[in-house]
Amino acid sequence: MSCVMLDQTTLEARIVQVFAKDMHLSVSSVDTDLIDEGILDSLAFVDLLFRLEKEFGLKVAVDALEIDELRTVRKIAAFVRAKQAPTT
């Protein structure tokens, strides 16, 4: 778990690693549509949220999620960055 703000490329690499190492799922590109390609189904989606919370120290309210924010690794990284951004 990390509270340090990471750059987009580093976040993308860590998210790809979460898919590969923790979820045993292969993502060919950071722009691959994870839902259309069948990489994320409803169970894998819940697993991903749990792992993002654990890996990046996030708190994610499922009822406030927009599925389009989590369709690609690139979008997931942007989502994580937004959740990590300091609130003022």
C-alpha atoms as a PDB file:
ATOM      1  CA  MET A   1       0.000   0.000   0.000  1.00  0.00           C
ATOM      2  CA  SER A   2       1.322   3.408  -0.900  1.00  0.00           C
ATOM      3  CA  CYS A   3       0.161   6.934  -0.179  1.00  0.00           C
ATOM      4  CA  VAL A   4       2.862   8.443  -2.399  1.00  0.00           C
ATOM      5  CA  MET A   5       1.499  10.112  -5.532  1.00  0.00           C
ATOM      6  CA  LEU A   6       2.763   8.101  -8.494  1.00  0.00           C
ATOM      7  CA  ASP A   7       3.042   9.238 -12.094  1.00  0.00           C
ATOM      8  CA  GLN A   8       0.685   7.826 -14.719  1.00  0.00           C
ATOM      9  CA  THR A   9       3.219   5.419 -16.267  1.00  0.00           C
ATOM     10  CA  THR A  10       4.255   3.985 -12.899  1.00  0.00           C
ATOM     11  CA  LEU A  11       0.622   3.551 -11.888  1.00  0.00           C
ATOM     12  CA  GLU A  12      -0.179   1.801 -15.158  1.00  0.00           C
ATOM     13  CA  ALA A  13       2.749  -0.587 -14.656  1.00  0.00           C
ATOM     14  CA  ARG A  14       1.655  -1.380 -11.097  1.00  0.00           C
ATOM     15  CA  ILE A  15      -1.926  -1.990 -12.206  1.00  0.00           C
ATOM     16  CA  VAL A  16      -0.765  -4.325 -14.988  1.00  0.00           C
ATOM     17  CA  GLN A  17       1.261  -6.134 -12.313  1.00  0.00           C
ATOM     18  CA  VAL A  18      -1.847  -6.449 -10.106  1.00  0.00           C
ATOM     19  CA  PHE A  19      -3.679  -8.056 -13.022  1.00  0.00           C
ATOM     20  CA  ALA A  20      -0.792 -10.420 -13.834  1.00  0.00           C
ATOM     21  CA  LYS A  21       0.571 -11.339 -10.417  1.00  0.00           C
ATOM     22  CA  ASP A  22      -2.470 -11.124  -8.151  1.00  0.00           C
ATOM     23  CA  MET A  23      -5.371 -11.858 -10.486  1.00  0.00           C
ATOM     24  CA  HIS A  24      -3.558 -14.080 -13.033  1.00  0.00           C
ATOM     25  CA  LEU A  25      -5.011 -12.064 -15.915  1.00  0.00           C
ATOM     26  CA  SER A  26      -3.069 -10.878 -18.947  1.00  0.00           C
ATOM     27  CA  VAL A  27      -3.592  -7.347 -20.252  1.00  0.00           C
ATOM     28  CA  SER A  28      -2.020  -6.757 -23.662  1.00  0.00           C
ATOM     29  CA  SER A  29      -2.113  -2.947 -23.591  1.00  0.00           C
ATOM     30  CA  VAL A  30      -2.970  -0.135 -21.191  1.00  0.00           C
ATOM     31  CA  ASP A  31      -5.683   0.831 -23.699  1.00  0.00           C
ATOM     32  CA  THR A  32      -7.276  -2.637 -23.979  1.00  0.00           C
ATOM     33  CA  ASP A  33     -10.986  -2.507 -23.115  1.00  0.00           C
ATOM     34  CA  LEU A  34     -11.020  -4.941 -20.202  1.00  0.00           C
ATOM     35  CA  ILE A  35     -14.773  -5.464 -20.324  1.00  0.00           C
ATOM     36  CA  ASP A  36     -15.210  -5.835 -24.091  1.00  0.00           C
ATOM     37  CA  GLU A  37     -12.243  -8.241 -24.204  1.00  0.00           C
ATOM     38  CA  GLY A  38     -13.766 -10.366 -21.430  1.00  0.00           C
ATOM     39  CA  ILE A  39     -10.835  -9.807 -19.063  1.00  0.00           C
ATOM     40  CA  LEU A  40     -13.089  -8.274 -16.415  1.00  0.00           C
ATOM     41  CA  ASP A  41     -16.373  -9.936 -15.560  1.00  0.00           C
ATOM     42  CA  SER A  42     -18.452  -9.053 -12.508  1.00  0.00           C
ATOM     43  CA  LEU A  43     -16.440 -11.243 -10.126  1.00  0.00           C
ATOM     44  CA  ALA A  44     -13.073 -10.074 -11.461  1.00  0.00           C
ATOM     45  CA  PHE A  45     -14.314  -6.480 -11.223  1.00  0.00           C
ATOM     46  CA  VAL A  46     -15.048  -6.856  -7.494  1.00  0.00           C
ATOM     47  CA  ASP A  47     -11.672  -8.563  -7.030  1.00  0.00           C
ATOM     48  CA  LEU A  48      -9.976  -5.676  -8.856  1.00  0.00           C
ATOM     49  CA  LEU A  49     -11.628  -3.097  -6.598  1.00  0.00           C
ATOM     50  CA  PHE A  50     -10.470  -4.993  -3.514  1.00  0.00           C
ATOM     51  CA  ARG A  51      -6.924  -5.211  -4.859  1.00  0.00           C
ATOM     52  CA  LEU A  52      -6.843  -1.506  -5.823  1.00  0.00           C
ATOM     53  CA  GLU A  53      -7.968  -0.586  -2.323  1.00  0.00           C
ATOM     54  CA  LYS A  54      -5.260  -2.798  -0.833  1.00  0.00           C
ATOM     55  CA  GLU A  55      -2.450  -1.838  -3.249  1.00  0.00           C
ATOM     56  CA  PHE A  56      -3.048   1.912  -3.282  1.00  0.00           C
ATOM     57  CA  GLY A  57      -4.802   2.538   0.041  1.00  0.00           C
ATOM     58  CA  LEU A  58      -8.039   3.652  -1.577  1.00  0.00           C
ATOM     59  CA  LYS A  59     -11.571   3.657  -0.267  1.00  0.00           C
ATOM     60  CA  VAL A  60     -13.969   3.040  -3.141  1.00  0.00           C
ATOM     61  CA  ALA A  61     -17.750   3.327  -2.769  1.00  0.00           C
ATOM     62  CA  VAL A  62     -19.147   0.778  -5.225  1.00  0.00           C
ATOM     63  CA  ASP A  63     -22.428   2.659  -5.643  1.00  0.00           C
ATOM     64  CA  ALA A  64     -20.516   5.782  -6.755  1.00  0.00           C
ATOM     65  CA  LEU A  65     -18.476   3.997  -9.441  1.00  0.00           C
ATOM     66  CA  GLU A  66     -18.791   4.672 -13.129  1.00  0.00           C
ATOM     67  CA  ILE A  67     -17.885   1.501 -15.045  1.00  0.00           C
ATOM     68  CA  ASP A  68     -16.375   3.585 -17.862  1.00  0.00           C
ATOM     69  CA  GLU A  69     -13.744   4.877 -15.389  1.00  0.00           C
ATOM     70  CA  LEU A  70     -12.386   1.335 -15.095  1.00  0.00           C
ATOM     71  CA  ARG A  71     -12.530  -0.003 -18.668  1.00  0.00           C
ATOM     72  CA  THR A  72      -8.799   0.236 -19.398  1.00  0.00           C
ATOM     73  CA  VAL A  73      -5.602   0.193 -17.371  1.00  0.00           C
ATOM     74  CA  ARG A  74      -5.011   3.805 -18.450  1.00  0.00           C
ATOM     75  CA  LYS A  75      -8.429   4.831 -17.085  1.00  0.00           C
ATOM     76  CA  ILE A  76      -7.915   2.808 -13.896  1.00  0.00           C
ATOM     77  CA  ALA A  77      -4.598   4.620 -13.337  1.00  0.00           C
ATOM     78  CA  ALA A  78      -6.327   7.996 -13.784  1.00  0.00           C
ATOM     79  CA  PHE A  79      -9.044   6.838 -11.368  1.00  0.00           C
ATOM     80  CA  VAL A  80      -6.427   5.833  -8.771  1.00  0.00           C
ATOM     81  CA  ARG A  81      -4.604   9.174  -9.174  1.00  0.00           C
ATOM     82  CA  ALA A  82      -7.866  11.077  -8.678  1.00  0.00           C
ATOM     83  CA  LYS A  83      -8.650   9.061  -5.539  1.00  0.00           C
ATOM     84  CA  GLN A  84      -5.144   9.688  -4.200  1.00  0.00           C
ATOM     85  CA  ALA A  85      -5.223  13.427  -4.919  1.00  0.00           C
ATOM     86  CA  PRO A  86      -5.245  15.503  -1.755  1.00  0.00           C
ATOM     87  CA  THR A  87      -8.585  17.075  -1.010  1.00  0.00           C
ATOM     88  CA  THR A  88      -8.671  20.671   0.148  1.00  0.00           C
END
